[in-house]
Every structure is written in C-alpha cells, then in structure tokens.
C-alpha cells in the first residue's frame, strides 16, 4: 500500500512540475507578444488583430482537427493581449522616456 501511495505522489509531483513548466512557457510567450505589440506604431494594432483573425479563420477552415471553440478561445486571449498593450501605449508615456538608464544606475554602484 505504501508503494502505491508513493507511486501516486511521485506521479502527481511530475504532473505538477510539467504544469508549472507549461504555465511558465505561456507566461513567457504572453510577455514576448506584449513586448512586440508595444513596438508597433500607432494604428498597427488593428492590422495585427485582423491578420491574426484571417490566419486563424484559414486554419480552422483548412483543418477539421482544429475545433472552432478552441480557435475562438485562443483568439479571445490574443485580442486581450493586444488590447492591453494598446491601452499601455495610449495611457503611459513612452518607455524610453520613463525608463532610467542602466548606465546611470551602474555609476552609483
């Protein structure tokens, strides 16, 4: 019985570790996409969103393996990321003006 419990606990630990790794990958990709969106010029967010929608639509039409509900969920998250970065762009001063210089920080070290 102890071996069974130990085996279950080990399996749960592996699944937890894999889950954390996957969550870290998703977070990293979200941050990367947000950073890329912040580099877009004003007005390009709509173009990016439209191009992603066209690509997702083409993929769901071309493949029966892609569920429309999955594509809609993915598109919802992508649009949320784009809208957040658009909000930041509109309501926050440009990063170059507000971010302190690393060289200036090192001088005080």
N, C-alpha and C. Protein backbone atom coordinates (compact mmCIF):
# COMPACT_ATOMS: atom_id res chain seq x y z
N UNK A 1 0.83 -1.20 0.00
CA UNK A 1 0.00 0.00 0.00
C UNK A 1 0.87 1.26 0.00
N UNK A 2 1.99 1.22 0.76
CA UNK A 2 2.88 2.37 0.81
C UNK A 2 3.51 2.62 -0.56
N UNK A 3 3.82 1.54 -1.29
CA UNK A 3 4.39 1.69 -2.62
C UNK A 3 3.41 2.37 -3.56
N UNK A 4 2.13 2.01 -3.44
CA UNK A 4 1.11 2.61 -4.29
C UNK A 4 0.99 4.10 -4.00
N UNK A 5 0.95 4.46 -2.73
CA UNK A 5 0.85 5.88 -2.35
C UNK A 5 2.09 6.63 -2.80
N UNK A 6 3.25 6.05 -2.63
CA UNK A 6 4.49 6.68 -3.08
C UNK A 6 4.49 6.89 -4.59
N UNK A 7 4.04 5.89 -5.33
CA UNK A 7 3.99 5.99 -6.78
C UNK A 7 3.02 7.09 -7.22
N UNK A 8 1.88 7.17 -6.54
CA UNK A 8 0.90 8.22 -6.86
C UNK A 8 1.47 9.60 -6.56
N UNK A 9 2.13 9.74 -5.43
CA UNK A 9 2.72 11.04 -5.06
C UNK A 9 3.81 11.45 -6.04
N UNK A 10 4.61 10.50 -6.48
CA UNK A 10 5.67 10.79 -7.46
C UNK A 10 5.04 11.23 -8.78
N UNK A 11 4.01 10.52 -9.20
CA UNK A 11 3.33 10.87 -10.46
C UNK A 11 2.70 12.26 -10.35
N UNK A 12 2.09 12.58 -9.22
CA UNK A 12 1.49 13.89 -9.02
C UNK A 12 2.54 14.99 -9.03
N UNK A 13 3.71 14.71 -8.45
CA UNK A 13 4.79 15.69 -8.45
C UNK A 13 5.28 15.96 -9.87
N UNK A 14 5.39 14.91 -10.69
CA UNK A 14 5.81 15.08 -12.09
C UNK A 14 4.80 15.90 -12.87
N UNK A 15 3.51 15.59 -12.67
CA UNK A 15 2.45 16.33 -13.36
C UNK A 15 2.47 17.79 -12.93
N UNK A 16 2.67 18.05 -11.64
CA UNK A 16 2.73 19.42 -11.14
C UNK A 16 3.92 20.16 -11.75
N UNK A 17 5.04 19.49 -11.85
CA UNK A 17 6.23 20.10 -12.45
C UNK A 17 6.00 20.42 -13.92
N UNK A 18 5.38 19.50 -14.65
CA UNK A 18 5.08 19.74 -16.06
C UNK A 18 4.08 20.88 -16.23
N UNK A 19 3.12 20.95 -15.33
CA UNK A 19 2.12 22.01 -15.37
C UNK A 19 2.77 23.38 -15.14
N UNK A 20 3.68 23.45 -14.19
CA UNK A 20 4.38 24.71 -13.92
C UNK A 20 5.25 25.11 -15.11
N UNK A 21 5.88 24.13 -15.74
CA UNK A 21 6.70 24.42 -16.91
C UNK A 21 5.84 24.97 -18.05
N UNK A 22 4.69 24.37 -18.26
CA UNK A 22 3.79 24.83 -19.31
C UNK A 22 3.28 26.24 -19.00
N UNK A 23 2.93 26.49 -17.75
CA UNK A 23 2.47 27.82 -17.35
C UNK A 23 3.57 28.86 -17.57
N UNK A 24 4.82 28.50 -17.28
CA UNK A 24 5.94 29.42 -17.49
C UNK A 24 6.12 29.71 -18.98
N UNK A 25 5.95 28.69 -19.82
CA UNK A 25 6.07 28.90 -21.27
C UNK A 25 4.99 29.85 -21.77
N UNK A 26 3.76 29.65 -21.30
CA UNK A 26 2.65 30.51 -21.71
C UNK A 26 2.89 31.95 -21.24
N UNK A 27 3.33 32.12 -20.00
CA UNK A 27 3.62 33.45 -19.49
C UNK A 27 4.73 34.13 -20.29
N UNK A 28 5.77 33.37 -20.62
CA UNK A 28 6.87 33.93 -21.41
C UNK A 28 6.40 34.35 -22.80
N UNK A 29 5.57 33.54 -23.41
CA UNK A 29 5.05 33.89 -24.74
C UNK A 29 4.14 35.10 -24.66
N UNK A 30 3.36 35.21 -23.60
CA UNK A 30 2.49 36.38 -23.43
C UNK A 30 3.32 37.65 -23.26
N UNK A 31 4.37 37.56 -22.46
CA UNK A 31 5.24 38.72 -22.28
C UNK A 31 5.94 39.10 -23.57
N UNK A 32 6.38 38.11 -24.32
CA UNK A 32 7.02 38.36 -25.61
C UNK A 32 6.07 39.04 -26.57
N UNK A 33 4.84 38.54 -26.64
CA UNK A 33 3.86 39.14 -27.53
C UNK A 33 3.54 40.57 -27.09
N UNK A 34 3.42 40.78 -25.80
CA UNK A 34 3.14 42.13 -25.30
C UNK A 34 4.28 43.09 -25.65
N UNK A 35 5.51 42.62 -25.49
CA UNK A 35 6.65 43.46 -25.84
C UNK A 35 6.66 43.77 -27.33
N UNK A 36 6.34 42.78 -28.15
CA UNK A 36 6.29 43.01 -29.59
C UNK A 36 5.18 44.00 -29.95
N UNK A 37 4.05 43.88 -29.30
CA UNK A 37 2.95 44.81 -29.57
C UNK A 37 3.30 46.23 -29.16
N UNK A 38 4.08 46.37 -28.10
CA UNK A 38 4.48 47.71 -27.67
C UNK A 38 5.42 48.38 -28.67
N UNK A 39 6.07 47.58 -29.51
CA UNK A 39 6.96 48.16 -30.51
C UNK A 39 6.22 48.59 -31.77
N UNK A 40 4.94 48.22 -31.88
CA UNK A 40 4.16 48.60 -33.05
C UNK A 40 3.90 50.10 -33.05
N UNK A 41 3.76 50.64 -34.23
CA UNK A 41 3.39 52.05 -34.36
C UNK A 41 1.91 52.19 -34.09
N UNK A 42 1.51 53.41 -33.80
CA UNK A 42 0.09 53.67 -33.55
C UNK A 42 -0.75 53.23 -34.74
N UNK A 43 -1.86 52.57 -34.47
CA UNK A 43 -2.76 52.13 -35.52
C UNK A 43 -2.46 50.76 -36.08
N UNK A 44 -1.31 50.20 -35.78
CA UNK A 44 -0.96 48.89 -36.31
C UNK A 44 -1.57 47.75 -35.50
N UNK A 45 -2.13 48.06 -34.33
CA UNK A 45 -2.74 47.01 -33.51
C UNK A 45 -3.94 46.39 -34.22
N UNK A 46 -4.75 47.26 -34.86
CA UNK A 46 -5.92 46.74 -35.58
C UNK A 46 -5.49 45.86 -36.74
N UNK A 47 -4.44 46.26 -37.43
CA UNK A 47 -3.93 45.46 -38.55
C UNK A 47 -3.42 44.11 -38.06
N UNK A 48 -2.71 44.11 -36.94
CA UNK A 48 -2.21 42.86 -36.36
C UNK A 48 -3.37 41.95 -35.99
N UNK A 49 -4.38 42.51 -35.33
CA UNK A 49 -5.55 41.73 -34.92
C UNK A 49 -6.27 41.16 -36.14
N UNK A 50 -6.41 41.96 -37.19
CA UNK A 50 -7.08 41.49 -38.41
C UNK A 50 -6.30 40.36 -39.07
N UNK A 51 -4.98 40.50 -39.14
CA UNK A 51 -4.15 39.46 -39.75
C UNK A 51 -4.21 38.16 -38.95
N UNK A 52 -4.22 38.26 -37.64
CA UNK A 52 -4.32 37.05 -36.81
C UNK A 52 -5.68 36.39 -37.02
N UNK A 53 -6.74 37.20 -37.08
CA UNK A 53 -8.07 36.65 -37.30
C UNK A 53 -8.14 35.93 -38.65
N UNK A 54 -7.56 36.52 -39.69
CA UNK A 54 -7.55 35.88 -41.01
C UNK A 54 -6.79 34.55 -40.97
N UNK A 55 -5.64 34.53 -40.29
CA UNK A 55 -4.85 33.30 -40.19
C UNK A 55 -5.60 32.22 -39.41
N UNK A 56 -6.24 32.62 -38.31
CA UNK A 56 -6.99 31.65 -37.51
C UNK A 56 -8.18 31.09 -38.29
N UNK A 57 -8.87 31.97 -39.02
CA UNK A 57 -10.00 31.53 -39.82
C UNK A 57 -9.56 30.55 -40.91
N UNK A 58 -8.47 30.88 -41.57
CA UNK A 58 -7.95 29.99 -42.61
C UNK A 58 -7.54 28.65 -42.03
N UNK A 59 -6.94 28.65 -40.84
CA UNK A 59 -6.51 27.40 -40.22
C UNK A 59 -7.69 26.53 -39.83
N UNK A 60 -8.74 27.14 -39.29
CA UNK A 60 -9.90 26.35 -38.88
C UNK A 60 -10.67 25.80 -40.08
N UNK A 61 -10.68 26.54 -41.18
CA UNK A 61 -11.35 26.06 -42.39
C UNK A 61 -10.54 24.94 -43.04
N UNK A 62 -9.22 25.08 -43.02
CA UNK A 62 -8.35 24.10 -43.70
C UNK A 62 -8.22 22.78 -42.95
N UNK A 63 -8.40 22.80 -41.64
CA UNK A 63 -8.19 21.59 -40.85
C UNK A 63 -9.42 21.27 -40.01
N UNK A 64 -9.86 20.04 -40.13
CA UNK A 64 -11.00 19.60 -39.32
C UNK A 64 -10.57 19.25 -37.90
N UNK A 65 -9.27 19.16 -37.67
CA UNK A 65 -8.76 18.82 -36.34
C UNK A 65 -8.83 20.01 -35.39
N UNK A 66 -8.89 21.22 -35.93
CA UNK A 66 -8.94 22.42 -35.10
C UNK A 66 -10.41 22.73 -34.79
N UNK A 67 -10.74 22.71 -33.51
CA UNK A 67 -12.11 23.00 -33.10
C UNK A 67 -12.34 24.50 -33.12
N UNK A 68 -13.50 24.92 -33.57
CA UNK A 68 -13.82 26.34 -33.63
C UNK A 68 -13.81 26.95 -32.23
N UNK A 69 -14.27 26.19 -31.23
CA UNK A 69 -14.28 26.71 -29.86
C UNK A 69 -12.86 26.96 -29.36
N UNK A 70 -11.92 26.08 -29.73
CA UNK A 70 -10.52 26.28 -29.34
C UNK A 70 -9.95 27.51 -30.03
N UNK A 71 -10.26 27.66 -31.31
CA UNK A 71 -9.77 28.82 -32.07
C UNK A 71 -10.36 30.11 -31.50
N UNK A 72 -11.64 30.09 -31.13
CA UNK A 72 -12.27 31.27 -30.55
C UNK A 72 -11.62 31.64 -29.21
N UNK A 73 -11.34 30.63 -28.40
CA UNK A 73 -10.69 30.87 -27.11
C UNK A 73 -9.30 31.47 -27.29
N UNK A 74 -8.54 30.91 -28.21
CA UNK A 74 -7.20 31.43 -28.50
C UNK A 74 -7.28 32.86 -29.01
N UNK A 75 -8.18 33.12 -29.92
CA UNK A 75 -8.35 34.45 -30.48
C UNK A 75 -8.76 35.46 -29.41
N UNK A 76 -9.60 35.03 -28.48
CA UNK A 76 -10.01 35.91 -27.39
C UNK A 76 -8.80 36.33 -26.55
N UNK A 77 -7.93 35.38 -26.24
CA UNK A 77 -6.74 35.69 -25.44
C UNK A 77 -5.77 36.57 -26.22
N UNK A 78 -5.61 36.31 -27.49
CA UNK A 78 -4.72 37.13 -28.31
C UNK A 78 -5.24 38.57 -28.37
N UNK A 79 -6.52 38.73 -28.61
CA UNK A 79 -7.10 40.07 -28.67
C UNK A 79 -6.99 40.79 -27.33
N UNK A 80 -7.10 40.04 -26.23
CA UNK A 80 -6.94 40.64 -24.90
C UNK A 80 -5.53 41.17 -24.73
N UNK A 81 -4.54 40.39 -25.15
CA UNK A 81 -3.15 40.85 -25.05
C UNK A 81 -2.91 42.09 -25.92
N UNK A 82 -3.46 42.07 -27.11
CA UNK A 82 -3.29 43.23 -28.00
C UNK A 82 -3.96 44.46 -27.40
N UNK A 83 -5.15 44.29 -26.84
CA UNK A 83 -5.84 45.45 -26.27
C UNK A 83 -5.14 45.99 -25.03
N UNK A 84 -4.54 45.11 -24.24
CA UNK A 84 -3.78 45.57 -23.07
C UNK A 84 -2.58 46.39 -23.50
N UNK A 85 -1.85 45.90 -24.49
CA UNK A 85 -0.68 46.66 -24.93
C UNK A 85 -1.09 47.95 -25.61
N UNK A 86 -2.23 47.96 -26.30
CA UNK A 86 -2.74 49.20 -26.89
C UNK A 86 -3.09 50.19 -25.79
N UNK A 87 -3.70 49.72 -24.71
CA UNK A 87 -4.03 50.58 -23.57
C UNK A 87 -2.76 51.18 -22.98
N UNK A 88 -1.76 50.35 -22.80
CA UNK A 88 -0.48 50.83 -22.25
C UNK A 88 0.12 51.89 -23.16
N UNK A 89 0.08 51.64 -24.45
CA UNK A 89 0.64 52.58 -25.41
C UNK A 89 -0.05 53.92 -25.34
N UNK A 90 -1.36 53.92 -25.19
CA UNK A 90 -2.13 55.15 -25.20
C UNK A 90 -2.03 55.90 -23.88
N UNK A 91 -2.00 55.18 -22.76
CA UNK A 91 -2.10 55.83 -21.46
C UNK A 91 -0.79 55.98 -20.68
N UNK A 92 0.27 55.45 -21.18
CA UNK A 92 1.55 55.52 -20.46
C UNK A 92 2.55 56.23 -21.35
N UNK A 93 3.42 57.01 -20.73
CA UNK A 93 4.46 57.67 -21.50
C UNK A 93 5.34 56.62 -22.18
N UNK A 94 5.95 56.99 -23.30
CA UNK A 94 6.84 56.03 -23.96
C UNK A 94 7.90 55.50 -23.01
N UNK A 95 8.20 54.22 -23.14
CA UNK A 95 9.14 53.56 -22.23
C UNK A 95 10.51 54.21 -22.24
N UNK A 96 10.97 54.67 -23.38
CA UNK A 96 12.31 55.26 -23.47
C UNK A 96 12.42 56.52 -22.62
N UNK A 97 11.32 57.25 -22.45
CA UNK A 97 11.36 58.48 -21.67
C UNK A 97 11.25 58.21 -20.17
N UNK A 98 10.62 57.11 -19.77
CA UNK A 98 10.38 56.86 -18.36
C UNK A 98 11.32 55.83 -17.74
N UNK A 99 12.01 55.07 -18.56
CA UNK A 99 12.89 54.03 -18.05
C UNK A 99 14.26 54.63 -17.75
N UNK A 100 14.74 54.48 -16.51
CA UNK A 100 16.07 55.01 -16.20
C UNK A 100 17.16 54.27 -16.96
N UNK A 101 18.20 54.97 -17.25
CA UNK A 101 19.33 54.38 -17.98
C UNK A 101 20.05 53.38 -17.09
N UNK A 102 20.40 52.25 -17.66
CA UNK A 102 21.16 51.25 -16.90
C UNK A 102 22.55 51.76 -16.58
N UNK A 103 23.14 52.53 -17.48
CA UNK A 103 24.48 53.06 -17.24
C UNK A 103 24.48 54.02 -16.08
N UNK A 104 23.43 54.82 -15.94
CA UNK A 104 23.32 55.74 -14.82
C UNK A 104 23.18 55.00 -13.51
N UNK A 105 22.46 53.86 -13.53
CA UNK A 105 22.29 53.05 -12.34
C UNK A 105 23.60 52.41 -11.92
N UNK A 106 24.40 52.03 -12.88
CA UNK A 106 25.67 51.35 -12.57
C UNK A 106 26.69 52.34 -12.00
N UNK A 107 26.57 53.58 -12.37
CA UNK A 107 27.54 54.56 -11.89
C UNK A 107 27.45 54.70 -10.38
N UNK A 108 26.25 54.52 -9.83
CA UNK A 108 26.09 54.64 -8.39
C UNK A 108 26.48 53.39 -7.64
N UNK A 109 26.73 52.29 -8.31
CA UNK A 109 27.07 51.02 -7.66
C UNK A 109 28.44 51.04 -7.03
